Protein backbone atom coordinates (compact mmCIF):
# COMPACT_ATOMS: atom_id res chain seq x y z
CA UNK A 1 -14.37 -24.70 -40.68
CA UNK A 2 -16.65 -23.82 -37.79
CA UNK A 3 -15.94 -20.44 -36.20
CA UNK A 4 -16.64 -21.70 -32.67
CA UNK A 5 -18.17 -18.38 -31.67
CA UNK A 6 -17.30 -17.35 -28.11
CA UNK A 7 -20.69 -16.44 -26.60
CA UNK A 8 -24.45 -16.95 -26.74
CA UNK A 9 -26.01 -14.45 -29.13
CA UNK A 10 -28.94 -13.89 -26.74
CA UNK A 11 -27.61 -13.84 -23.17
CA UNK A 12 -23.90 -13.37 -23.97
CA UNK A 13 -22.81 -16.21 -21.66
CA UNK A 14 -19.33 -17.51 -22.47
CA UNK A 15 -19.24 -20.62 -24.66
CA UNK A 16 -15.60 -21.72 -24.81
CA UNK A 17 -14.54 -24.15 -27.56
CA UNK A 18 -15.09 -27.17 -25.31
CA UNK A 19 -18.50 -26.10 -23.98
CA UNK A 20 -21.09 -28.88 -24.00
CA UNK A 21 -23.79 -26.17 -23.74
CA UNK A 22 -23.13 -24.53 -27.14
CA UNK A 23 -25.85 -25.00 -29.78
CA UNK A 24 -25.62 -23.99 -33.46
CA UNK A 25 -27.93 -23.87 -36.47
CA UNK A 26 -26.79 -24.62 -40.02
CA UNK A 27 -25.63 -21.00 -40.40
CA UNK A 28 -23.62 -21.35 -37.18
CA UNK A 29 -25.79 -18.95 -35.20
CA UNK A 30 -24.63 -19.77 -31.68
CA UNK A 31 -26.72 -19.90 -28.51
CA UNK A 32 -26.44 -21.63 -25.15
CA UNK A 33 -28.57 -24.70 -24.44
CA UNK A 34 -30.64 -22.81 -21.84
CA UNK A 35 -31.65 -20.09 -24.32
CA UNK A 36 -32.39 -22.64 -27.07
CA UNK A 37 -34.64 -24.64 -24.75
CA UNK A 38 -36.24 -21.94 -22.58
CA UNK A 39 -36.49 -18.93 -24.88
CA UNK A 40 -36.05 -19.98 -28.51
CA UNK A 41 -37.96 -23.28 -28.47
CA UNK A 42 -35.39 -24.80 -30.87
CA UNK A 43 -36.15 -22.16 -33.52
CA UNK A 44 -33.22 -20.02 -34.65
CA UNK A 45 -34.33 -16.37 -34.52
CA UNK A 46 -32.07 -15.55 -37.46
CA UNK A 47 -33.02 -18.26 -39.98
CA UNK A 48 -35.84 -20.38 -38.54
CA UNK A 49 -33.77 -23.55 -38.47
CA UNK A 50 -33.29 -25.91 -35.55
CA UNK A 51 -30.24 -26.35 -33.34
CA UNK A 52 -27.75 -29.13 -32.67
CA UNK A 53 -24.91 -29.41 -30.14
CA UNK A 54 -21.79 -27.67 -31.44
CA UNK A 55 -18.87 -30.06 -32.02
CA UNK A 56 -15.77 -29.69 -29.87
CA UNK A 57 -12.49 -29.03 -31.68
CA UNK A 58 -9.65 -31.05 -30.12
CA UNK A 59 -7.25 -29.15 -27.86
CA UNK A 60 -4.44 -31.51 -28.73
CA UNK A 61 -2.89 -32.38 -32.08
CA UNK A 62 -4.03 -35.96 -32.41
CA UNK A 63 -3.55 -36.08 -36.19
CA UNK A 64 -2.76 -33.79 -39.10
CA UNK A 65 -2.62 -30.49 -37.17
CA UNK A 66 -6.42 -30.45 -36.87
CA UNK A 67 -6.72 -28.84 -33.46
CA UNK A 68 -7.24 -25.53 -31.66
CA UNK A 69 -3.55 -24.65 -31.83
CA UNK A 70 -3.72 -24.38 -35.62
CA UNK A 71 -7.43 -23.54 -35.96
CA UNK A 72 -8.31 -21.37 -32.94
CA UNK A 73 -11.84 -20.54 -31.88
CA UNK A 74 -13.43 -17.30 -33.03
CA UNK A 75 -13.24 -14.19 -30.90
CA UNK A 76 -15.93 -12.00 -32.48
CA UNK A 77 -18.89 -11.61 -30.13
CA UNK A 78 -22.33 -11.43 -31.74
CA UNK A 79 -24.58 -10.24 -28.94
CA UNK A 80 -28.03 -9.74 -30.44
CA UNK A 81 -30.64 -10.32 -27.74
CA UNK A 82 -33.91 -11.73 -29.01
CA UNK A 83 -37.20 -9.88 -28.52
CA UNK A 84 -39.17 -12.60 -26.67
CA UNK A 85 -42.59 -11.50 -27.96
CA UNK A 86 -41.52 -11.20 -31.59
CA UNK A 87 -39.69 -14.53 -31.39
CA UNK A 88 -42.69 -16.27 -29.80
CA UNK A 89 -44.81 -15.27 -32.82
CA UNK A 90 -42.07 -16.28 -35.27
CA UNK A 91 -41.60 -19.65 -33.53
CA UNK A 92 -45.38 -20.25 -33.39
CA UNK A 93 -45.55 -19.87 -37.16
CA UNK A 94 -42.98 -22.68 -37.49
CA UNK A 95 -44.19 -24.85 -34.61
CA UNK A 96 -45.92 -27.46 -36.75
CA UNK A 97 -42.86 -27.95 -38.97
CA UNK A 98 -40.09 -30.20 -37.61
CA UNK A 99 -36.61 -28.57 -37.72
CA UNK A 100 -35.40 -30.99 -40.40
CA UNK A 101 -38.27 -29.91 -42.71
CA UNK A 102 -37.97 -26.12 -42.32
């Protein structure tokens, strides 16, 4: 079950469960689309993987109690701003490798 983390790990902007701007890696590191595109270059600073849009958990119980009312979004904030220079070097080392091959 995805945690649906509440904020961007870099800039700490709110990313509510229905945010179309939330991006996650395979370890569920969570960043906003702006940070992924403008700062991270689609390279997760924690694992080196790429990012995809985070799915939206339904607000309403459409079927089988699989909705926010039963499975609420996470509330633990993980604010760990990225060092832009260190990340630029890290991302450069992975630049030639597509995210799906890392």
